[in-house]
Amino acid sequence: MSAVVDTEKAKANKTLTTIIYALYGASLFVGVTGIVAIVMNYLKQEEVAGTYLESHFRWQIRTFWFSILWGVIGFITFFIVIGWFVLIADAVWFIYRIVKGFLRLNEGKPMYTA
């Protein structure tokens, strides 16, 4: 009976991780979904501890915070042209991280630790 519960919990956590990736993807068009996603990451982080999904949560959290950091730097330097390139690079990097994470999740593989 416990194995069934564990399997259902694992499926639910994988679905949750998929939803969080989707929320991050949607944040490119509706920014508030990124906030919802990061809050979900922090609230549900303990539930995925010790599973391969923990690496996905780490990947998602780092993607969010580094994207915010580079977005702020891009915004600050926007008027000296370099900021345009920083913002474009940040957007491309963000999309790459979301797509890469989603693909590895779909394959049932953990993310890299770095």
C-alpha atoms as a PDB file:
ATOM      1  CA  MET A   1       0.000   0.000   0.000  1.00  0.00           C
ATOM      2  CA  SER A   2       2.848   2.386   0.846  1.00  0.00           C
ATOM      3  CA  ALA A   3       4.425   1.859  -2.587  1.00  0.00           C
ATOM      4  CA  VAL A   4       1.180   2.930  -4.253  1.00  0.00           C
ATOM      5  CA  VAL A   5       1.047   6.092  -2.145  1.00  0.00           C
ATOM      6  CA  ASP A   6       4.713   6.810  -2.928  1.00  0.00           C
ATOM      7  CA  THR A   7       4.099   6.301  -6.651  1.00  0.00           C
ATOM      8  CA  GLU A   8       1.095   8.623  -6.598  1.00  0.00           C
ATOM      9  CA  LYS A   9       3.071  11.227  -4.663  1.00  0.00           C
ATOM     10  CA  ALA A  10       5.960  10.955  -7.149  1.00  0.00           C
ATOM     11  CA  LYS A  11       3.559  11.468 -10.072  1.00  0.00           C
ATOM     12  CA  ALA A  12       1.950  14.438  -8.327  1.00  0.00           C
ATOM     13  CA  ASN A  13       5.364  15.996  -7.656  1.00  0.00           C
ATOM     14  CA  LYS A  14       6.415  15.486 -11.287  1.00  0.00           C
ATOM     15  CA  THR A  15       3.166  17.136 -12.414  1.00  0.00           C
ATOM     16  CA  LEU A  16       3.812  20.003 -10.014  1.00  0.00           C
ATOM     17  CA  THR A  17       7.333  20.440 -11.409  1.00  0.00           C
ATOM     18  CA  THR A  18       5.904  20.479 -14.946  1.00  0.00           C
ATOM     19  CA  ILE A  19       3.394  23.152 -13.926  1.00  0.00           C
ATOM     20  CA  ILE A  20       6.172  25.240 -12.409  1.00  0.00           C
ATOM     21  CA  TYR A  21       8.156  25.044 -15.668  1.00  0.00           C
ATOM     22  CA  ALA A  22       5.003  26.122 -17.522  1.00  0.00           C
ATOM     23  CA  LEU A  23       4.527  29.057 -15.149  1.00  0.00           C
ATOM     24  CA  TYR A  24       8.107  30.165 -15.754  1.00  0.00           C
ATOM     25  CA  GLY A  25       7.543  29.885 -19.494  1.00  0.00           C
ATOM     26  CA  ALA A  26       4.330  31.879 -19.243  1.00  0.00           C
ATOM     27  CA  SER A  27       6.187  34.560 -17.273  1.00  0.00           C
ATOM     28  CA  LEU A  28       7.726  35.707 -20.546  1.00  0.00           C
ATOM     29  CA  PHE A  29       4.264  36.997 -21.450  1.00  0.00           C
ATOM     30  CA  VAL A  30       2.588  37.410 -18.044  1.00  0.00           C
ATOM     31  CA  GLY A  31       5.302  38.320 -15.555  1.00  0.00           C
ATOM     32  CA  VAL A  32       3.326  37.516 -12.419  1.00  0.00           C
ATOM     33  CA  THR A  33       3.409  33.774 -13.161  1.00  0.00           C
ATOM     34  CA  GLY A  34       7.138  33.810 -12.444  1.00  0.00           C
ATOM     35  CA  ILE A  35       6.398  35.060  -8.933  1.00  0.00           C
ATOM     36  CA  VAL A  36       3.797  32.320  -8.475  1.00  0.00           C
ATOM     37  CA  ALA A  37       6.323  29.737  -9.692  1.00  0.00           C
ATOM     38  CA  ILE A  38       9.132  30.811  -7.340  1.00  0.00           C
ATOM     39  CA  VAL A  39       6.738  30.838  -4.381  1.00  0.00           C
ATOM     40  CA  MET A  40       5.626  27.313  -5.305  1.00  0.00           C
ATOM     41  CA  ASN A  41       9.281  26.245  -5.567  1.00  0.00           C
ATOM     42  CA  TYR A  42       9.991  27.379  -2.043  1.00  0.00           C
ATOM     43  CA  LEU A  43       6.741  26.068  -0.559  1.00  0.00           C
ATOM     44  CA  LYS A  44       7.050  22.596  -2.091  1.00  0.00           C
ATOM     45  CA  GLN A  45      10.837  22.217  -1.902  1.00  0.00           C
ATOM     46  CA  GLU A  46      10.720  19.874   1.106  1.00  0.00           C
ATOM     47  CA  GLU A  47       8.289  17.524  -0.634  1.00  0.00           C
ATOM     48  CA  VAL A  48      10.780  16.763  -3.418  1.00  0.00           C
ATOM     49  CA  ALA A  49      13.852  16.551  -1.170  1.00  0.00           C
ATOM     50  CA  GLY A  50      15.829  13.394  -1.821  1.00  0.00           C
ATOM     51  CA  THR A  51      14.314  12.784  -5.269  1.00  0.00           C
ATOM     52  CA  TYR A  52      15.554  13.649  -8.728  1.00  0.00           C
ATOM     53  CA  LEU A  53      12.977  16.454  -8.720  1.00  0.00           C
ATOM     54  CA  GLU A  54      15.032  18.261  -6.079  1.00  0.00           C
ATOM     55  CA  SER A  55      17.608  19.025  -8.773  1.00  0.00           C
ATOM     56  CA  HIS A  56      14.850  20.463 -10.977  1.00  0.00           C
ATOM     57  CA  PHE A  57      13.677  22.715  -8.159  1.00  0.00           C
ATOM     58  CA  ARG A  58      17.254  23.904  -7.621  1.00  0.00           C
ATOM     59  CA  TRP A  59      17.543  24.522 -11.385  1.00  0.00           C
ATOM     60  CA  GLN A  60      14.276  26.484 -11.415  1.00  0.00           C
ATOM     61  CA  ILE A  61      15.160  28.579  -8.379  1.00  0.00           C
ATOM     62  CA  ARG A  62      18.591  29.450  -9.741  1.00  0.00           C
ATOM     63  CA  THR A  63      17.090  30.250 -13.135  1.00  0.00           C
ATOM     64  CA  PHE A  64      14.655  32.682 -11.529  1.00  0.00           C
ATOM     65  CA  TRP A  65      17.165  34.526  -9.347  1.00  0.00           C
ATOM     66  CA  PHE A  66      19.958  34.767 -11.918  1.00  0.00           C
ATOM     67  CA  SER A  67      17.471  35.929 -14.533  1.00  0.00           C
ATOM     68  CA  ILE A  68      16.274  38.644 -12.145  1.00  0.00           C
ATOM     69  CA  LEU A  69      19.887  39.650 -11.457  1.00  0.00           C
ATOM     70  CA  TRP A  70      20.768  39.947 -15.149  1.00  0.00           C
ATOM     71  CA  GLY A  71      17.455  41.669 -15.856  1.00  0.00           C
ATOM     72  CA  VAL A  72      18.260  44.346 -13.276  1.00  0.00           C
ATOM     73  CA  ILE A  73      21.772  44.769 -14.665  1.00  0.00           C
ATOM     74  CA  GLY A  74      20.326  45.003 -18.187  1.00  0.00           C
ATOM     75  CA  PHE A  75      17.764  47.559 -17.069  1.00  0.00           C
ATOM     76  CA  ILE A  76      20.380  49.686 -15.298  1.00  0.00           C
ATOM     77  CA  THR A  77      22.650  49.669 -18.355  1.00  0.00           C
ATOM     78  CA  PHE A  78      19.821  49.916 -20.892  1.00  0.00           C
ATOM     79  CA  PHE A  79      20.546  53.540 -21.764  1.00  0.00           C
ATOM     80  CA  ILE A  80      24.182  52.865 -22.614  1.00  0.00           C
ATOM     81  CA  VAL A  81      23.200  50.279 -25.237  1.00  0.00           C
ATOM     82  CA  ILE A  82      25.015  47.384 -23.551  1.00  0.00           C
ATOM     83  CA  GLY A  83      21.852  46.775 -21.533  1.00  0.00           C
ATOM     84  CA  TRP A  84      19.982  45.808 -24.684  1.00  0.00           C
ATOM     85  CA  PHE A  85      22.419  42.973 -25.261  1.00  0.00           C
ATOM     86  CA  VAL A  86      22.308  41.959 -21.612  1.00  0.00           C
ATOM     87  CA  LEU A  87      18.496  41.796 -21.683  1.00  0.00           C
ATOM     88  CA  ILE A  88      18.458  39.813 -24.930  1.00  0.00           C
ATOM     89  CA  ALA A  89      21.072  37.387 -23.602  1.00  0.00           C
ATOM     90  CA  ASP A  90      19.124  37.063 -20.353  1.00  0.00           C
ATOM     91  CA  ALA A  91      15.913  36.222 -22.227  1.00  0.00           C
ATOM     92  CA  VAL A  92      17.656  33.637 -24.426  1.00  0.00           C
ATOM     93  CA  TRP A  93      19.370  32.089 -21.386  1.00  0.00           C
ATOM     94  CA  PHE A  94      16.062  31.986 -19.466  1.00  0.00           C
ATOM     95  CA  ILE A  95      14.263  30.266 -22.356  1.00  0.00           C
ATOM     96  CA  TYR A  96      17.140  27.784 -22.718  1.00  0.00           C
ATOM     97  CA  ARG A  97      17.004  26.909 -19.012  1.00  0.00           C
ATOM     98  CA  ILE A  98      13.239  26.403 -19.013  1.00  0.00           C
ATOM     99  CA  VAL A  99      13.262  24.274 -22.175  1.00  0.00           C
ATOM    100  CA  LYS A 100      16.296  22.231 -21.067  1.00  0.00           C
ATOM    101  CA  GLY A 101      14.760  21.610 -17.651  1.00  0.00           C
ATOM    102  CA  PHE A 102      11.391  20.632 -19.083  1.00  0.00           C
ATOM    103  CA  LEU A 103      12.993  18.211 -21.557  1.00  0.00           C
ATOM    104  CA  ARG A 104      15.060  16.507 -18.854  1.00  0.00           C
ATOM    105  CA  LEU A 105      12.000  16.323 -16.596  1.00  0.00           C
ATOM    106  CA  ASN A 106      10.003  14.754 -19.425  1.00  0.00           C
ATOM    107  CA  GLU A 107      12.778  12.139 -19.784  1.00  0.00           C
ATOM    108  CA  GLY A 108      12.666  11.459 -16.034  1.00  0.00           C
ATOM    109  CA  LYS A 109      16.247  12.648 -15.578  1.00  0.00           C
ATOM    110  CA  PRO A 110      17.657  14.947 -12.918  1.00  0.00           C
ATOM    111  CA  MET A 111      19.212  18.279 -13.773  1.00  0.00           C
ATOM    112  CA  TYR A 112      22.913  18.812 -13.501  1.00  0.00           C
ATOM    113  CA  THR A 113      24.045  19.992 -10.113  1.00  0.00           C
ATOM    114  CA  ALA A 114      25.876  23.045 -11.450  1.00  0.00           C
END
